[in-house]
N, C-alpha and C. Protein backbone atom coordinates (compact mmCIF):
# COMPACT_ATOMS: atom_id res chain seq x y z
N MET A 1 108.52 218.46 98.41
CA MET A 1 109.60 218.70 98.88
C MET A 1 110.48 217.73 98.73
N THR A 2 112.02 217.97 98.64
CA THR A 2 112.81 216.85 98.44
C THR A 2 113.68 217.05 99.95
N LYS A 3 114.18 215.68 100.05
CA LYS A 3 114.85 216.16 101.63
C LYS A 3 116.07 216.90 101.37
N SER A 4 116.61 217.31 100.65
CA SER A 4 117.67 218.49 100.59
C SER A 4 117.25 219.91 100.77
N GLU A 5 116.07 220.12 99.73
CA GLU A 5 115.08 221.53 100.13
C GLU A 5 114.29 221.39 101.76
N PHE A 6 114.11 220.04 102.51
CA PHE A 6 113.65 220.52 103.57
C PHE A 6 114.78 220.69 104.58
N GLN A 7 116.01 220.20 104.05
CA GLN A 7 117.26 220.68 105.10
C GLN A 7 117.41 221.77 105.38
N LYS A 8 117.10 223.07 104.26
CA LYS A 8 117.32 224.38 104.41
C LYS A 8 115.86 224.93 105.18
N GLU A 9 114.87 223.97 105.29
CA GLU A 9 113.78 224.75 106.05
C GLU A 9 113.99 224.17 107.70
N ASP A 10 114.57 223.51 108.00
CA ASP A 10 114.92 223.07 109.06
C ASP A 10 116.03 223.67 110.20
N ILE A 11 115.86 224.07 110.94
CA ILE A 11 116.81 224.78 111.83
C ILE A 11 118.08 224.05 112.52
N PHE A 12 117.61 222.78 112.66
CA PHE A 12 118.56 221.71 113.12
C PHE A 12 119.20 220.83 112.05
N PRO A 13 120.37 220.21 111.74
CA PRO A 13 120.75 219.18 111.56
C PRO A 13 119.98 218.11 111.31
N ILE A 14 119.69 217.77 109.90
CA ILE A 14 118.52 216.25 110.13
C ILE A 14 119.64 215.07 110.51
N GLY A 15 121.05 215.10 110.29
CA GLY A 15 121.34 213.86 110.64
C GLY A 15 121.63 212.78 109.70
N GLU A 16 121.51 211.62 110.30
CA GLU A 16 121.94 210.30 109.50
C GLU A 16 120.33 209.40 109.45
N GLU A 17 120.68 208.75 108.49
CA GLU A 17 119.35 207.77 108.60
C GLU A 17 119.27 207.19 109.87
N ASN A 18 118.03 206.97 110.48
CA ASN A 18 118.08 206.23 111.72
C ASN A 18 117.77 205.23 111.55
N THR A 19 118.72 204.23 111.47
CA THR A 19 118.82 202.71 110.97
C THR A 19 118.87 201.95 112.49
N GLY A 20 119.45 202.72 113.36
CA GLY A 20 119.31 201.98 114.85
C GLY A 20 117.64 201.74 115.33
N PHE A 21 116.80 202.30 114.85
CA PHE A 21 115.64 202.52 115.61
C PHE A 21 114.66 201.94 114.33
N ALA A 22 114.96 201.99 112.83
CA ALA A 22 113.99 201.76 112.08
C ALA A 22 113.13 200.42 112.23
N GLN A 23 113.37 199.54 112.54
CA GLN A 23 112.33 198.73 113.28
C GLN A 23 111.05 198.93 113.75
N TYR A 24 111.13 200.46 114.38
CA TYR A 24 110.09 200.93 115.21
C TYR A 24 109.52 201.90 114.48
N PHE A 25 109.80 201.97 113.16
CA PHE A 25 109.27 203.53 112.55
C PHE A 25 108.57 202.64 111.13
N THR A 26 107.67 203.31 110.46
CA THR A 26 106.87 203.07 109.37
C THR A 26 107.45 204.28 108.37
N GLY A 27 108.52 203.89 107.18
CA GLY A 27 109.02 205.19 106.34
C GLY A 27 110.63 205.12 107.02
N LYS A 28 110.81 206.09 106.46
CA LYS A 28 112.24 206.41 106.94
C LYS A 28 112.44 207.94 107.81
N SER A 29 113.28 207.74 108.57
CA SER A 29 113.47 208.91 109.51
C SER A 29 115.04 208.95 109.74
N TYR A 30 115.29 210.16 110.22
CA TYR A 30 116.59 210.77 110.61
C TYR A 30 117.02 211.15 111.77
N LEU A 31 118.04 210.74 112.45
CA LEU A 31 118.58 211.38 113.89
C LEU A 31 119.83 212.04 113.90
N ALA A 32 119.67 213.21 114.25
CA ALA A 32 121.11 214.07 114.76
C ALA A 32 120.89 214.18 116.22
N GLY A 33 121.76 213.39 117.20
CA GLY A 33 121.79 213.98 118.64
C GLY A 33 122.74 215.01 118.55
N LEU A 34 121.86 215.87 119.38
CA LEU A 34 122.43 217.32 119.79
C LEU A 34 122.94 217.25 120.95
N VAL A 35 122.46 216.51 122.06
CA VAL A 35 122.75 216.75 123.83
C VAL A 35 122.92 214.95 123.84
N PRO A 36 123.98 214.29 124.23
CA PRO A 36 123.76 213.14 124.67
C PRO A 36 123.58 213.03 126.46
N GLN A 37 124.37 213.84 127.20
CA GLN A 37 124.10 214.12 128.40
C GLN A 37 124.03 215.10 129.06
N PRO A 38 123.52 215.43 130.44
CA PRO A 38 122.73 214.79 131.17
C PRO A 38 121.30 214.53 130.78
N ILE A 39 120.79 215.65 129.89
CA ILE A 39 119.70 215.36 129.34
C ILE A 39 119.50 214.85 127.60
N PRO A 40 119.26 213.61 127.44
CA PRO A 40 119.55 212.78 125.89
C PRO A 40 118.47 214.28 124.82
N ILE A 41 119.15 214.87 124.15
CA ILE A 41 118.13 215.66 123.19
C ILE A 41 118.63 215.29 121.55
N ALA A 42 117.65 215.08 121.18
CA ALA A 42 117.93 214.50 119.36
C ALA A 42 117.18 215.51 118.40
N ASN A 43 117.44 215.80 117.08
CA ASN A 43 116.38 215.88 116.44
C ASN A 43 116.10 214.81 115.50
N VAL A 44 114.97 215.07 115.37
CA VAL A 44 114.28 213.38 114.76
C VAL A 44 113.52 214.17 113.47
N THR A 45 114.08 213.68 112.32
CA THR A 45 113.17 213.88 111.16
C THR A 45 112.52 212.97 110.46
N PHE A 46 111.24 213.05 109.96
CA PHE A 46 110.60 212.04 109.19
C PHE A 46 110.28 212.53 107.71
N GLU A 47 110.35 211.47 106.94
CA GLU A 47 110.21 211.64 105.54
C GLU A 47 108.46 211.64 105.78
N PRO A 48 107.70 212.16 104.39
CA PRO A 48 106.17 212.30 104.11
C PRO A 48 105.86 210.69 104.40
N GLY A 49 104.60 210.59 105.59
CA GLY A 49 104.35 209.46 105.74
C GLY A 49 104.77 208.56 106.90
N CYS A 50 105.87 208.86 107.08
CA CYS A 50 107.08 208.08 108.31
C CYS A 50 106.53 208.93 109.56
N ARG A 51 106.22 207.62 110.45
CA ARG A 51 105.78 207.83 111.97
C ARG A 51 106.48 206.57 112.82
N ASN A 52 106.36 206.82 114.16
CA ASN A 52 107.13 205.91 114.80
C ASN A 52 105.83 204.95 115.21
N ASN A 53 106.21 203.66 115.62
CA ASN A 53 104.84 202.88 116.43
C ASN A 53 104.37 203.57 117.34
N TRP A 54 103.33 202.92 118.03
CA TRP A 54 102.88 203.35 119.69
C TRP A 54 104.24 203.13 120.47
N HIS A 55 104.04 203.84 121.34
CA HIS A 55 104.93 203.19 122.43
C HIS A 55 104.75 204.07 124.06
N ILE A 56 105.50 203.91 124.77
CA ILE A 56 105.33 204.06 126.03
C ILE A 56 106.96 204.26 126.80
N HIS A 57 107.24 205.54 127.37
CA HIS A 57 108.06 206.03 128.50
C HIS A 57 107.57 205.78 129.55
N HIS A 58 108.35 204.90 130.17
CA HIS A 58 108.46 204.17 131.53
C HIS A 58 109.13 205.09 132.32
N GLY A 59 108.92 205.54 133.61
CA GLY A 59 109.71 206.36 134.51
C GLY A 59 109.78 207.96 134.04
N GLY A 60 110.50 208.27 132.95
CA GLY A 60 110.23 209.76 132.63
C GLY A 60 109.39 210.11 131.58
N GLY A 61 108.98 210.72 131.29
CA GLY A 61 108.32 211.38 129.71
C GLY A 61 109.48 211.56 128.74
N GLN A 62 108.31 212.55 127.74
CA GLN A 62 109.36 213.27 126.61
C GLN A 62 108.64 214.41 126.46
N ILE A 63 109.64 215.17 125.64
CA ILE A 63 109.07 216.48 125.28
C ILE A 63 109.44 216.90 124.12
N LEU A 64 108.17 217.08 123.06
CA LEU A 64 108.54 217.22 121.62
C LEU A 64 108.86 219.15 121.54
N LEU A 65 109.64 219.69 120.89
CA LEU A 65 109.61 220.61 120.15
C LEU A 65 109.54 220.72 118.52
N CYS A 66 108.47 221.34 118.19
CA CYS A 66 108.01 220.81 116.71
C CYS A 66 109.34 221.98 115.97
N THR A 67 109.77 221.85 114.83
CA THR A 67 110.62 222.85 114.20
C THR A 67 110.39 223.10 113.10
N ALA A 68 110.07 221.92 112.08
CA ALA A 68 109.58 222.45 110.69
C ALA A 68 108.72 221.22 110.47
N GLY A 69 108.27 221.62 109.17
CA GLY A 69 107.11 220.64 108.65
C GLY A 69 105.67 220.70 109.36
N ARG A 70 105.33 219.68 108.94
CA ARG A 70 103.69 219.40 109.83
C ARG A 70 103.75 217.71 109.93
N GLY A 71 102.97 217.53 111.03
CA GLY A 71 103.19 216.55 111.81
C GLY A 71 102.03 215.99 112.92
N TYR A 72 102.14 214.93 113.19
CA TYR A 72 100.99 214.54 114.30
C TYR A 72 101.38 214.22 115.27
N TYR A 73 100.79 213.92 116.42
CA TYR A 73 101.05 213.48 117.83
C TYR A 73 99.82 213.00 118.27
N GLN A 74 99.57 211.59 118.67
CA GLN A 74 98.31 210.70 118.96
C GLN A 74 98.82 210.14 120.29
N GLU A 75 97.83 210.09 121.31
CA GLU A 75 97.74 209.51 122.43
C GLU A 75 96.49 208.49 122.53
N TRP A 76 96.85 207.46 122.83
CA TRP A 76 95.89 205.93 122.98
C TRP A 76 94.43 206.61 123.25
N GLY A 77 93.45 206.43 122.74
CA GLY A 77 92.20 206.65 122.91
C GLY A 77 91.86 207.93 122.49
N LYS A 78 92.82 208.85 121.97
CA LYS A 78 92.29 210.30 121.79
C LYS A 78 92.56 210.72 120.34
N PRO A 79 91.91 211.78 119.98
CA PRO A 79 92.23 212.02 118.52
C PRO A 79 93.47 212.45 118.29
N ALA A 80 94.22 212.31 117.04
CA ALA A 80 95.07 213.03 116.81
C ALA A 80 95.15 214.59 116.67
N ARG A 81 96.38 215.14 116.69
CA ARG A 81 96.50 216.42 117.10
C ARG A 81 97.62 216.74 116.06
N GLU A 82 97.31 217.78 115.04
CA GLU A 82 98.30 218.39 114.20
C GLU A 82 99.19 218.96 114.80
N LEU A 83 100.53 219.12 114.13
CA LEU A 83 101.65 219.85 114.92
C LEU A 83 102.23 220.49 113.97
N HIS A 84 102.54 221.78 114.21
CA HIS A 84 103.52 222.83 113.45
C HIS A 84 104.63 223.57 114.18
N PRO A 85 105.71 223.59 113.24
CA PRO A 85 106.84 224.70 113.88
C PRO A 85 106.19 225.32 115.13
N GLY A 86 106.86 225.31 116.41
CA GLY A 86 106.73 226.22 117.39
C GLY A 86 105.39 225.34 118.48
N ASP A 87 105.17 224.44 117.86
CA ASP A 87 104.25 223.74 118.81
C ASP A 87 105.24 222.61 119.73
N VAL A 88 104.49 222.84 120.88
CA VAL A 88 105.43 221.82 121.93
C VAL A 88 104.42 220.30 122.60
N VAL A 89 104.98 219.45 122.75
CA VAL A 89 104.11 218.35 123.48
C VAL A 89 104.90 218.25 124.72
N ASN A 90 104.17 218.05 125.54
CA ASN A 90 104.55 217.19 127.01
C ASN A 90 103.70 215.91 127.08
N ILE A 91 104.83 214.77 126.88
CA ILE A 91 104.34 213.49 127.18
C ILE A 91 104.76 213.00 128.32
N PRO A 92 103.31 212.75 129.19
CA PRO A 92 103.91 212.56 130.45
C PRO A 92 104.28 210.56 130.61
N PRO A 93 105.06 210.39 131.38
CA PRO A 93 105.00 208.93 131.45
C PRO A 93 104.03 207.68 131.56
N GLU A 94 104.25 206.89 130.86
CA GLU A 94 103.17 205.85 130.98
C GLU A 94 101.89 206.16 130.01
N VAL A 95 102.17 207.08 129.23
CA VAL A 95 100.88 207.37 127.87
C VAL A 95 101.57 206.82 126.85
N LYS A 96 100.62 205.97 126.15
CA LYS A 96 100.89 205.09 125.03
C LYS A 96 100.46 206.06 123.87
N HIS A 97 101.41 206.40 123.09
CA HIS A 97 101.27 207.46 122.00
C HIS A 97 102.47 207.31 120.73
N TRP A 98 102.16 207.88 119.66
CA TRP A 98 102.87 207.97 118.44
C TRP A 98 103.01 209.21 117.90
N HIS A 99 103.97 209.48 117.23
CA HIS A 99 104.07 210.85 116.65
C HIS A 99 105.14 210.91 115.27
N GLY A 100 104.68 211.83 114.05
CA GLY A 100 105.48 211.46 112.95
C GLY A 100 104.74 212.33 112.19
N ALA A 101 105.25 212.33 110.68
CA ALA A 101 104.93 213.51 109.63
C ALA A 101 103.61 212.97 109.06
N ALA A 102 103.34 214.40 108.49
CA ALA A 102 101.68 213.79 107.81
C ALA A 102 101.71 213.02 106.45
N PRO A 103 100.98 212.96 105.91
CA PRO A 103 101.10 211.87 104.83
C PRO A 103 101.77 212.69 103.52
N ASP A 104 101.63 214.11 103.55
CA ASP A 104 102.13 214.89 102.39
C ASP A 104 103.36 215.75 102.89
N SER A 105 104.34 215.53 103.93
CA SER A 105 104.69 216.77 104.49
C SER A 105 106.12 215.97 105.43
N TRP A 106 107.25 216.54 104.89
CA TRP A 106 108.12 216.16 105.86
C TRP A 106 107.96 217.08 107.25
N PHE A 107 108.63 216.36 108.61
CA PHE A 107 108.41 217.01 109.66
C PHE A 107 109.53 216.77 110.63
N SER A 108 110.31 217.65 111.30
CA SER A 108 111.18 217.63 112.16
C SER A 108 110.85 218.06 113.47
N HIS A 109 111.06 217.25 114.81
CA HIS A 109 110.89 218.03 116.24
C HIS A 109 112.28 217.62 116.84
N ILE A 110 112.45 218.38 117.80
CA ILE A 110 113.45 218.15 118.98
C ILE A 110 112.78 217.17 119.68
N ALA A 111 113.27 215.93 120.43
CA ALA A 111 112.93 215.20 121.41
C ALA A 111 113.81 215.22 122.39
N ILE A 112 113.45 215.61 123.80
CA ILE A 112 113.89 215.58 124.71
C ILE A 112 113.36 214.26 125.83
N SER A 113 114.10 213.73 126.13
CA SER A 113 114.01 212.46 126.73
C SER A 113 114.16 212.95 128.47
N VAL A 114 113.19 212.92 129.21
CA VAL A 114 112.63 213.41 130.61
C VAL A 114 113.62 212.12 131.50
N PRO A 115 114.84 212.67 132.39
CA PRO A 115 115.57 211.57 132.66
C PRO A 115 114.82 210.69 133.96
N ALA A 116 115.17 209.73 134.21
CA ALA A 116 113.93 209.08 135.35
C ALA A 116 115.30 207.78 135.67
N GLU A 117 115.12 207.69 136.83
CA GLU A 117 115.60 206.57 136.88
C GLU A 117 115.12 204.92 136.76
N ASN A 118 115.89 204.20 136.06
CA ASN A 118 115.30 203.01 135.36
C ASN A 118 114.50 203.61 134.52
N GLY A 119 114.67 204.35 133.74
CA GLY A 119 113.39 204.78 132.66
C GLY A 119 113.90 203.88 131.25
N SER A 120 112.84 203.89 130.43
CA SER A 120 112.73 202.82 129.62
C SER A 120 111.76 203.31 128.29
N CYS A 121 111.90 202.85 127.33
CA CYS A 121 110.87 203.08 126.12
C CYS A 121 110.49 201.71 125.70
N GLU A 122 109.05 201.43 125.73
CA GLU A 122 108.59 200.20 125.44
C GLU A 122 107.54 200.37 124.04
N TRP A 123 108.55 199.90 122.73
CA TRP A 123 108.19 200.07 121.55
C TRP A 123 106.77 199.00 121.44
N LEU A 124 106.08 199.28 120.88
CA LEU A 124 104.63 198.50 120.44
C LEU A 124 104.39 198.40 119.23
N GLU A 125 103.26 198.01 118.89
CA GLU A 125 102.35 198.17 117.35
C GLU A 125 102.58 199.24 116.48
N PRO A 126 102.71 199.01 115.05
CA PRO A 126 102.91 199.78 114.20
C PRO A 126 101.50 200.54 114.33
N VAL A 127 100.96 202.02 113.48
CA VAL A 127 100.19 202.93 113.81
C VAL A 127 99.52 202.76 112.22
N THR A 128 98.42 202.21 112.10
CA THR A 128 97.94 202.01 110.81
C THR A 128 96.74 202.66 110.80
N ALA A 129 95.41 202.22 111.00
CA ALA A 129 94.38 202.70 110.78
C ALA A 129 94.07 203.89 111.14
N ASP A 130 94.82 204.35 112.66
CA ASP A 130 94.98 205.75 113.09
C ASP A 130 95.16 206.41 112.33
N TYR A 131 96.30 206.18 111.47
CA TYR A 131 97.10 207.04 110.80
C TYR A 131 96.42 206.91 109.08
N GLU A 132 95.78 206.12 108.40
CA GLU A 132 95.23 206.10 107.52
C GLU A 132 93.95 206.96 107.39
N ASN A 133 93.41 207.67 108.51
CA ASN A 133 92.26 208.43 108.51
C ASN A 133 92.65 209.91 108.67
N LEU A 134 93.72 209.87 108.51
CA LEU A 134 94.57 211.49 108.73
C LEU A 134 94.28 212.24 107.14
N LYS A 135 94.24 213.58 107.14
CA LYS A 135 94.07 214.29 105.86
C LYS A 135 95.57 214.77 105.74
């Protein structure tokens, strides 16, 4: 499936190439800001095989609302969970995790950053062996 074909499947805009955070992703992602304040909400789209690095949300967590395609979410030390449209992932603060597209599918989710005083995101190492073992 091409990017333009996937855009017809996703109910939210794909947005622009996510160059500001590209260093924290393997593959190409796209970002469409939907609400900047008071709670940052964005549509994040991953091309097939794209995923973000392991990371931790300090202070506030994150909520993912899966909208299109097929992807994965994994917490450190646990098996990866396959994601489909309609799935919801509630990521508590201080949990090391990653999320992204399946190797053969585009994937989009709405990312909601849970507000927290002095909240931050700590970006860590790329996801390699854990991802390579997925179907």
